[in-house]
C-alpha cells in the first residue's frame, strides 16, 4: 500500500482522521523522513516506546485505536505497565535512562487519555501537538505552545536546565512578555496587562502557587490577531465589499483570539495537574480530611458509649417498670355487654382490641422509642427532685 501525504496540515487532518492509530505513526514518519511503521494497534503486541526526543501519538503509545473506550485504555495501561516497568526493561538490556523514558511515555499517555476532558482536547489538536516544533521559526504573533503538552520537555522537577519549573516558567514568561510587547507597540499602555505572578520552584509557598495558576487559568490575551486577516479590506474600493471583508476578518480574529486563550488555559491546566507542589498539597489535604473524619467518628462513638453507659447505670423507678406491671385492661364488656376487651399503651397513648395487636405493638421500634423517652423524662424529673430536696436540706 502506498500513502500519499496531503500538502497542507488541514487536508492531512481530514485525510488521516478515519485511520487507526497504527497508521498515524507511519504518516508521521513519512512527513518527518523517519521511515518505517511505528508499531501495531494491537494491545497484545504493543510498540516499544520512542526516545524522549520523538513524539508519538498517545493512542500509538498504548497500542489502541482512536475510537477506543475508557475501559480499553485502563486495560491496556495495566498490561503495558507490567511489561514496561523500568526494572524489567533494565533486566532485558535497556539502559536506566531509556527504561525510565519508556515508562514515563506510557504514564503520560495514560494520564492524558484517561481524563475525558484532556482526551477530547487532544483529539481536536492531535496533529498540532505531534507536528509542533518549538525551535522552528514562526510568523505568528504568539508563541507555539503545542510542543509543551508533553512530559518529554522536562527531565525532573528542578528549576534549572530541563527541569519542570525552569521549562514552564520560561514558557509562561514568554507568553507574558509577548502580551507586554504587543501592548507597548500598539499604544494600549502597560496597565492593560495585569502583572503575572512568578511560577517559583518546589520550595515556593503554596499561596504563590495558587496565585500563579489562578492567573493563567483565567488568561485573556490583548493581542488583536490582525495577522490572520484573509482580506486586505483597505485596498478594496467598493464600500459594500470592503464591509464584507472587514466582517470576515473580524470573525477570523475573534476565532484566533478565542483559540489562543483556550490554548494557554489548557496549558495551565496541563502543567497544574503535573505540578508536584499541587499533587503534594492534594495528598496533604486528603489526609487532613480523613483525619478530621476519623476524629468525628471517634467523637460520635465516645458520645454513644457515654450514653449507653449512662442508661446502663440508671436505676429505673418502680412505677415506670411497665413491663413488670399488670397491663390495665379497659373492660367495656360489663357496660356494653359482650364487646371484646381493649388494651391500652400508656407510653404511646393507643388502644388495642386484641392480645395479638398488643404484642406486635410491643415489638415495634416506635413503641420502644416512646418507652425510652418516657424513662429518660422521668429519670430527669427524679434527678431534679432529688437535687431540690438536697438543696432544701442544706442549711
Protein backbone atom coordinates (compact mmCIF):
# COMPACT_ATOMS: atom_id res chain seq x y z
CA UNK A 1 0.00 0.00 0.00
CA UNK A 2 1.35 3.47 -0.91
CA UNK A 3 0.50 6.52 1.22
CA UNK A 4 0.26 9.93 -0.40
CA UNK A 5 0.53 12.77 2.10
CA UNK A 6 -1.68 15.85 1.57
CA UNK A 7 0.13 19.13 1.09
CA UNK A 8 -1.49 21.05 3.95
CA UNK A 9 -1.96 20.29 7.64
CA UNK A 10 -5.72 20.86 7.41
CA UNK A 11 -6.04 18.45 4.49
CA UNK A 12 -3.82 15.96 6.32
CA UNK A 13 -6.09 16.12 9.36
CA UNK A 14 -9.11 15.33 7.25
CA UNK A 15 -7.26 12.60 5.36
CA UNK A 16 -5.94 10.71 8.38
CA UNK A 17 -8.81 11.19 10.86
CA UNK A 18 -10.51 7.94 9.91
CA UNK A 19 -7.35 5.78 10.04
CA UNK A 20 -6.47 3.65 13.09
CA UNK A 21 -3.64 4.75 15.36
CA UNK A 22 -1.16 2.28 13.90
CA UNK A 23 -1.27 4.18 10.55
CA UNK A 24 -0.79 7.54 12.21
CA UNK A 25 2.82 6.86 13.15
CA UNK A 26 3.51 5.73 9.59
CA UNK A 27 2.20 9.03 8.24
CA UNK A 28 4.23 10.95 10.79
CA UNK A 29 7.35 9.05 9.81
CA UNK A 30 6.72 9.88 6.17
CA UNK A 31 6.17 13.55 6.97
CA UNK A 32 9.34 13.82 9.04
CA UNK A 33 11.50 11.46 6.94
CA UNK A 34 11.88 8.93 9.75
CA UNK A 35 10.68 5.98 7.71
CA UNK A 36 9.02 2.76 8.83
CA UNK A 37 5.90 1.93 10.77
CA UNK A 38 5.94 2.80 14.45
CA UNK A 39 4.03 -0.27 15.62
CA UNK A 40 0.72 -2.10 15.79
CA UNK A 41 -2.60 -1.02 17.26
CA UNK A 42 -2.96 -4.38 18.96
CA UNK A 43 -2.76 -4.44 22.72
CA UNK A 44 -1.21 -7.89 22.54
CA UNK A 45 1.80 -6.61 20.62
CA UNK A 46 2.41 -3.02 21.75
CA UNK A 47 5.10 -0.93 20.09
CA UNK A 48 8.17 -0.06 22.07
CA UNK A 49 8.35 3.47 23.41
CA UNK A 50 10.16 6.15 21.46
CA UNK A 51 13.02 8.17 22.82
CA UNK A 52 12.30 11.36 24.72
CA UNK A 53 13.12 13.48 21.67
CA UNK A 54 10.47 11.80 19.50
CA UNK A 55 6.76 12.45 19.57
CA UNK A 56 4.26 9.69 19.11
CA UNK A 57 0.50 9.63 19.12
CA UNK A 58 -0.72 8.78 22.61
CA UNK A 59 -3.03 6.13 21.18
CA UNK A 60 0.01 4.62 19.48
CA UNK A 61 1.87 4.50 22.79
CA UNK A 62 -0.95 2.45 24.34
CA UNK A 63 -1.40 0.39 21.18
CA UNK A 64 -5.04 1.40 20.76
CA UNK A 65 -7.29 2.71 18.01
CA UNK A 66 -8.61 6.27 18.04
CA UNK A 67 -12.14 5.17 18.97
CA UNK A 68 -11.15 3.01 21.95
CA UNK A 69 -13.19 3.10 25.16
CA UNK A 70 -12.07 4.19 28.62
CA UNK A 71 -12.12 0.55 29.75
CA UNK A 72 -9.77 -0.37 26.92
CA UNK A 73 -7.43 2.46 27.90
CA UNK A 74 -7.30 1.27 31.51
CA UNK A 75 -6.81 -2.36 30.49
CA UNK A 76 -4.02 -1.54 28.04
CA UNK A 77 -2.23 0.64 30.57
CA UNK A 78 -2.32 -2.02 33.29
CA UNK A 79 -0.90 -4.61 30.92
CA UNK A 80 1.79 -2.35 29.48
CA UNK A 81 2.77 -1.00 32.90
CA UNK A 82 3.85 -4.51 33.86
CA UNK A 83 5.71 -5.06 30.60
CA UNK A 84 7.45 -1.68 30.59
CA UNK A 85 8.33 -1.36 34.24
CA UNK A 86 11.85 0.16 34.40
CA UNK A 87 13.24 -2.75 36.41
CA UNK A 88 12.09 -5.27 33.78
CA UNK A 89 13.42 -3.18 30.90
CA UNK A 90 16.81 -2.80 32.60
CA UNK A 91 16.97 -6.55 33.14
CA UNK A 92 16.22 -7.08 29.43
CA UNK A 93 19.22 -4.96 28.47
CA UNK A 94 17.88 -1.40 28.22
CA UNK A 95 19.74 1.44 29.91
CA UNK A 96 18.24 3.05 33.01
CA UNK A 97 17.58 6.30 31.14
CA UNK A 98 15.87 4.52 28.25
CA UNK A 99 13.78 2.37 30.59
CA UNK A 100 12.66 5.42 32.56
CA UNK A 101 11.83 7.34 29.38
CA UNK A 102 9.70 4.48 28.04
CA UNK A 103 7.75 4.14 31.27
CA UNK A 104 7.22 7.91 31.55
CA UNK A 105 5.91 7.97 27.98
CA UNK A 106 3.37 5.28 28.91
CA UNK A 107 2.28 7.10 32.09
CA UNK A 108 1.94 10.37 30.17
CA UNK A 109 -0.25 8.74 27.52
CA UNK A 110 -2.49 7.17 30.15
CA UNK A 111 -2.82 10.37 32.20
CA UNK A 112 -3.83 12.33 29.12
CA UNK A 113 -6.29 9.84 27.60
CA UNK A 114 -7.87 8.65 30.86
CA UNK A 115 -9.12 12.19 31.53
CA UNK A 116 -12.18 12.70 29.23
CA UNK A 117 -11.65 16.45 29.13
CA UNK A 118 -7.97 16.23 28.21
CA UNK A 119 -8.64 13.42 25.73
CA UNK A 120 -11.28 15.49 23.94
CA UNK A 121 -8.89 18.41 23.63
CA UNK A 122 -6.08 16.12 22.47
CA UNK A 123 -8.30 14.57 19.78
CA UNK A 124 -9.07 18.06 18.46
CA UNK A 125 -5.41 19.18 18.41
CA UNK A 126 -3.56 15.91 17.89
CA UNK A 127 -1.72 16.91 14.74
CA UNK A 128 -0.69 20.34 16.01
CA UNK A 129 0.83 18.68 19.07
CA UNK A 130 2.59 15.96 17.09
CA UNK A 131 3.99 18.29 14.43
CA UNK A 132 4.80 21.22 16.72
CA UNK A 133 8.45 22.30 16.80
CA UNK A 134 9.26 24.86 19.48
CA UNK A 135 12.60 25.62 17.80
CA UNK A 136 11.08 26.36 14.40
CA UNK A 137 10.75 29.96 13.19
CA UNK A 138 7.20 31.31 13.04
CA UNK A 139 5.46 34.43 11.77
CA UNK A 140 2.74 34.11 14.39
CA UNK A 141 2.43 36.97 16.90
CA UNK A 142 2.07 34.44 19.71
CA UNK A 143 4.36 31.55 20.74
CA UNK A 144 3.63 27.99 19.63
CA UNK A 145 2.56 26.12 22.76
CA UNK A 146 1.59 22.72 21.40
CA UNK A 147 5.04 21.22 21.87
CA UNK A 148 4.79 21.79 25.63
CA UNK A 149 1.80 19.47 26.05
CA UNK A 150 4.19 16.60 26.73
CA UNK A 151 6.23 15.27 29.61
CA UNK A 152 9.21 14.90 27.29
CA UNK A 153 10.05 18.62 27.54
CA UNK A 154 11.25 18.28 31.15
CA UNK A 155 13.55 15.79 32.82
CA UNK A 156 12.95 16.42 36.54
CA UNK A 157 11.31 18.85 38.97
CA UNK A 158 14.20 21.28 39.35
CA UNK A 159 14.30 24.91 38.28
CA UNK A 160 17.43 24.55 36.16
CA UNK A 161 18.23 23.20 32.70
CA UNK A 162 15.36 20.99 31.52
CA UNK A 163 13.73 20.99 34.93
CA UNK A 164 9.92 21.24 35.14
CA UNK A 165 9.88 24.65 36.85
CA UNK A 166 12.56 26.07 34.52
CA UNK A 167 10.88 24.93 31.29
CA UNK A 168 7.35 26.05 32.12
CA UNK A 169 8.45 29.21 33.90
CA UNK A 170 10.18 30.23 30.67
CA UNK A 171 7.09 29.36 28.60
CA UNK A 172 4.69 31.44 30.68
CA UNK A 173 7.23 34.26 30.93
CA UNK A 174 7.40 34.26 27.13
CA UNK A 175 3.60 34.45 26.88
CA UNK A 176 3.52 37.32 29.37
CA UNK A 177 6.38 39.12 27.61
CA UNK A 178 4.54 38.78 24.31
CA UNK A 179 1.48 40.48 25.86
CA UNK A 180 3.64 43.32 27.22
CA UNK A 181 5.34 43.86 23.86
CA UNK A 182 2.04 44.00 21.99
CA UNK A 183 0.54 46.45 24.48
CA UNK A 184 3.60 48.69 24.18
CA UNK A 185 3.79 48.62 20.37
CA UNK A 186 0.05 49.09 19.87
CA UNK A 187 -0.11 52.03 22.28
CA UNK A 188 -2.60 50.33 24.60
CA UNK A 189 -0.46 51.04 27.66
CA UNK A 190 1.16 48.54 30.01
CA UNK A 191 -1.62 48.89 32.58
CA UNK A 192 -3.91 46.84 30.36
CA UNK A 193 -1.82 43.74 31.08
CA UNK A 194 -2.12 42.55 34.66
CA UNK A 195 1.20 41.56 36.21
CA UNK A 196 1.70 37.79 36.18
CA UNK A 197 2.84 36.01 39.38
CA UNK A 198 6.08 34.03 39.16
CA UNK A 199 5.87 30.24 38.90
CA UNK A 200 8.58 29.73 41.51
CA UNK A 201 10.07 26.36 42.32
CA UNK A 202 9.50 23.37 44.58
CA UNK A 203 10.24 25.49 47.67
CA UNK A 204 7.79 28.30 46.86
CA UNK A 205 4.89 28.95 49.31
CA UNK A 206 1.60 27.48 48.21
CA UNK A 207 -0.04 30.92 48.15
CA UNK A 208 2.29 31.78 45.26
CA UNK A 209 1.40 28.53 43.50
CA UNK A 210 -2.32 29.30 43.82
CA UNK A 211 -1.86 32.87 42.55
CA UNK A 212 0.17 31.66 39.56
CA UNK A 213 -2.41 29.13 38.36
CA UNK A 214 -5.37 31.41 39.07
CA UNK A 215 -3.79 34.00 36.79
CA UNK A 216 -3.13 31.67 33.87
CA UNK A 217 -6.35 29.67 34.17
CA UNK A 218 -8.19 32.97 33.68
CA UNK A 219 -5.84 34.28 30.97
CA UNK A 220 -7.20 36.64 28.30
CA UNK A 221 -4.87 37.96 25.62
CA UNK A 222 -4.71 41.59 24.47
CA UNK A 223 -3.30 40.58 21.06
CA UNK A 224 -5.63 41.57 18.20
CA UNK A 225 -4.51 38.82 15.75
CA UNK A 226 -4.58 41.09 12.71
CA UNK A 227 -2.15 38.63 11.16
CA UNK A 228 -4.96 36.14 10.50
CA UNK A 229 -6.86 38.57 8.24
CA UNK A 230 -7.86 36.92 4.99
CA UNK A 231 -8.55 40.09 3.04
CA UNK A 232 -6.88 43.46 2.65
CA UNK A 233 -10.05 45.45 3.18
CA UNK A 234 -8.33 48.84 2.96
CA UNK A 235 -7.35 48.16 -0.66
CA UNK A 236 -10.93 47.48 -1.70
CA UNK A 237 -12.62 50.46 -3.37
CA UNK A 238 -16.18 49.21 -3.17
CA UNK A 239 -17.59 50.13 0.24
CA UNK A 240 -20.01 47.20 0.40
CA UNK A 241 -17.30 44.71 -0.49
CA UNK A 242 -14.93 46.33 1.98
CA UNK A 243 -17.53 45.95 4.75
CA UNK A 244 -17.96 42.25 3.94
CA UNK A 245 -14.19 41.76 4.02
CA UNK A 246 -13.88 43.56 7.35
CA UNK A 247 -16.62 41.41 8.88
CA UNK A 248 -14.93 38.22 7.72
CA UNK A 249 -11.57 39.42 9.04
CA UNK A 250 -13.21 40.32 12.35
CA UNK A 251 -14.63 36.79 12.70
CA UNK A 252 -11.22 35.27 11.96
CA UNK A 253 -9.53 37.47 14.57
CA UNK A 254 -12.15 36.63 17.16
CA UNK A 255 -11.76 32.91 16.49
CA UNK A 256 -7.95 33.09 16.67
CA UNK A 257 -8.11 35.05 19.92
CA UNK A 258 -10.56 32.57 21.46
CA UNK A 259 -8.43 29.59 20.42
CA UNK A 260 -5.26 31.15 21.80
CA UNK A 261 -6.91 31.93 25.16
CA UNK A 262 -8.14 28.35 25.36
CA UNK A 263 -4.69 27.03 24.43
CA UNK A 264 -2.97 29.00 27.20
CA UNK A 265 -5.57 27.97 29.77
CA UNK A 266 -5.30 24.34 28.71
CA UNK A 267 -1.55 24.51 29.08
CA UNK A 268 -2.01 25.92 32.59
CA UNK A 269 -4.34 23.01 33.41
CA UNK A 270 -1.86 20.55 31.94
CA UNK A 271 1.03 21.97 33.98
CA UNK A 272 -1.01 22.26 37.19
CA UNK A 273 -2.09 18.63 37.00
CA UNK A 274 1.58 17.60 36.87
CA UNK A 275 2.99 20.16 39.32
CA UNK A 276 4.50 18.24 42.24
CA UNK A 277 3.56 21.05 44.64
CA UNK A 278 -0.12 20.77 43.68
CA UNK A 279 -0.01 16.97 43.85
CA UNK A 280 1.61 17.02 47.31
CA UNK A 281 -0.92 19.58 48.56
CA UNK A 282 -3.77 17.42 47.26
CA UNK A 283 -2.41 14.42 49.17
CA UNK A 284 -1.93 16.55 52.30
CA UNK A 285 -5.48 17.91 52.15
CA UNK A 286 -6.90 14.44 51.59
CA UNK A 287 -5.02 13.14 54.62
CA UNK A 288 -6.24 16.09 56.69
CA UNK A 289 -9.82 15.44 55.60
CA UNK A 290 -9.52 11.77 56.51
CA UNK A 291 -8.05 12.71 59.88
CA UNK A 292 -10.97 15.05 60.62
CA UNK A 293 -13.47 12.39 59.56
CA UNK A 294 -11.78 9.88 61.86
CA UNK A 295 -11.85 12.37 64.75
CA UNK A 296 -15.55 12.98 64.15
CA UNK A 297 -16.24 9.24 64.10
CA UNK A 298 -14.33 8.82 67.37
CA UNK A 299 -16.22 11.71 68.96
CA UNK A 300 -19.60 10.25 68.00
CA UNK A 301 -18.51 6.80 69.15
CA UNK A 302 -17.45 8.21 72.53
CA UNK A 303 -20.75 10.07 72.96
CA UNK A 304 -22.68 6.91 72.13
CA UNK A 305 -20.63 4.89 74.64
CA UNK A 306 -21.26 7.51 77.32
CA UNK A 307 -24.97 7.50 76.58
CA UNK A 308 -25.16 3.71 76.77
CA UNK A 309 -23.15 3.69 79.99
CA UNK A 310 -25.48 6.27 81.49
CA UNK A 311 -28.54 4.24 80.55
CA UNK A 312 -26.95 1.08 81.92
CA UNK A 313 -26.12 2.74 85.23
CA UNK A 314 -29.56 4.24 85.55
CA UNK A 315 -31.79 2.59 88.14
CA UNK A 316 -35.33 2.54 86.93
CA UNK A 317 -38.07 3.80 89.25
CA UNK A 318 -40.52 1.18 90.39
CA UNK A 319 -43.60 2.83 89.00
CA UNK A 320 -42.02 3.16 85.49
CA UNK A 321 -41.42 -0.59 85.07
CA UNK A 322 -44.19 -1.03 82.60
CA UNK A 323 -43.14 -4.47 81.51
CA UNK A 324 -43.45 -5.75 85.10
CA UNK A 325 -46.79 -4.10 85.79
CA UNK A 326 -50.08 -5.68 85.09
CA UNK A 327 -51.41 -4.04 81.95
CA UNK A 328 -54.53 -2.09 82.55
CA UNK A 329 -57.45 -3.52 80.63
CA UNK A 330 -60.33 -1.28 79.80
CA UNK A 331 -63.16 -3.70 80.05
CA UNK A 332 -66.29 -2.39 78.44
CA UNK A 333 -67.91 -5.80 78.33
CA UNK A 334 -69.54 -5.16 81.67
CA UNK A 335 -71.07 -1.91 80.46
CA UNK A 336 -71.92 -2.78 76.86
CA UNK A 337 -72.48 -6.47 77.24
CA UNK A 338 -70.19 -8.78 75.35
CA UNK A 339 -67.86 -6.45 73.41
CA UNK A 340 -64.19 -7.52 73.14
CA UNK A 341 -61.72 -6.18 75.69
CA UNK A 342 -59.23 -3.45 74.64
CA UNK A 343 -55.61 -2.97 75.81
CA UNK A 344 -54.11 0.49 76.31
CA UNK A 345 -50.42 1.55 75.86
CA UNK A 346 -49.50 4.26 78.36
CA UNK A 347 -46.34 5.29 76.51
CA UNK A 348 -47.94 5.63 73.08
CA UNK A 349 -51.49 6.51 74.09
CA UNK A 350 -53.03 3.81 71.86
CA UNK A 351 -55.74 1.20 72.33
CA UNK A 352 -55.62 -2.37 71.07
CA UNK A 353 -58.56 -4.71 70.65
CA UNK A 354 -56.63 -7.95 70.82
CA UNK A 355 -53.66 -9.52 72.57
CA UNK A 356 -52.01 -10.11 69.20
CA UNK A 357 -52.15 -6.43 68.29
CA UNK A 358 -50.68 -5.52 71.64
CA UNK A 359 -47.77 -7.97 71.32
CA UNK A 360 -46.99 -6.72 67.81
CA UNK A 361 -47.06 -3.17 69.10
CA UNK A 362 -44.69 -4.05 71.96
CA UNK A 363 -42.09 -5.22 69.42
CA UNK A 364 -42.38 -2.11 67.26
CA UNK A 365 -39.48 0.35 67.04
CA UNK A 366 -41.72 3.34 67.72
CA UNK A 367 -43.10 1.81 70.92
CA UNK A 368 -39.61 1.08 72.24
CA UNK A 369 -38.51 4.65 71.43
CA UNK A 370 -41.53 6.07 73.27
CA UNK A 371 -40.82 3.90 76.31
CA UNK A 372 -37.17 5.01 76.28
CA UNK A 373 -38.24 8.67 76.05
CA UNK A 374 -40.64 8.20 78.92
CA UNK A 375 -37.93 6.61 81.05
CA UNK A 376 -35.46 9.41 80.24
CA UNK A 377 -38.09 12.02 81.09
CA UNK A 378 -38.86 10.59 84.49
CA UNK A 379 -35.18 9.97 85.12
CA UNK A 380 -34.55 13.71 84.65
CA UNK A 381 -37.57 14.58 86.78
CA UNK A 382 -36.35 12.32 89.56
CA UNK A 383 -32.86 13.85 89.43
CA UNK A 384 -34.31 17.36 89.60
CA UNK A 385 -36.48 16.37 92.53
CA UNK A 386 -33.52 14.85 94.40
CA UNK A 387 -31.45 17.96 93.72
CA UNK A 388 -34.21 20.22 95.06
CA UNK A 389 -34.61 18.07 98.14
CA UNK A 390 -30.83 18.17 98.68
CA UNK A 391 -30.76 21.94 98.36
CA UNK A 392 -33.70 22.30 100.75
CA UNK A 393 -32.00 20.10 103.34
CA UNK A 394 -28.80 22.12 103.15
CA UNK A 395 -28.78 24.85 105.90
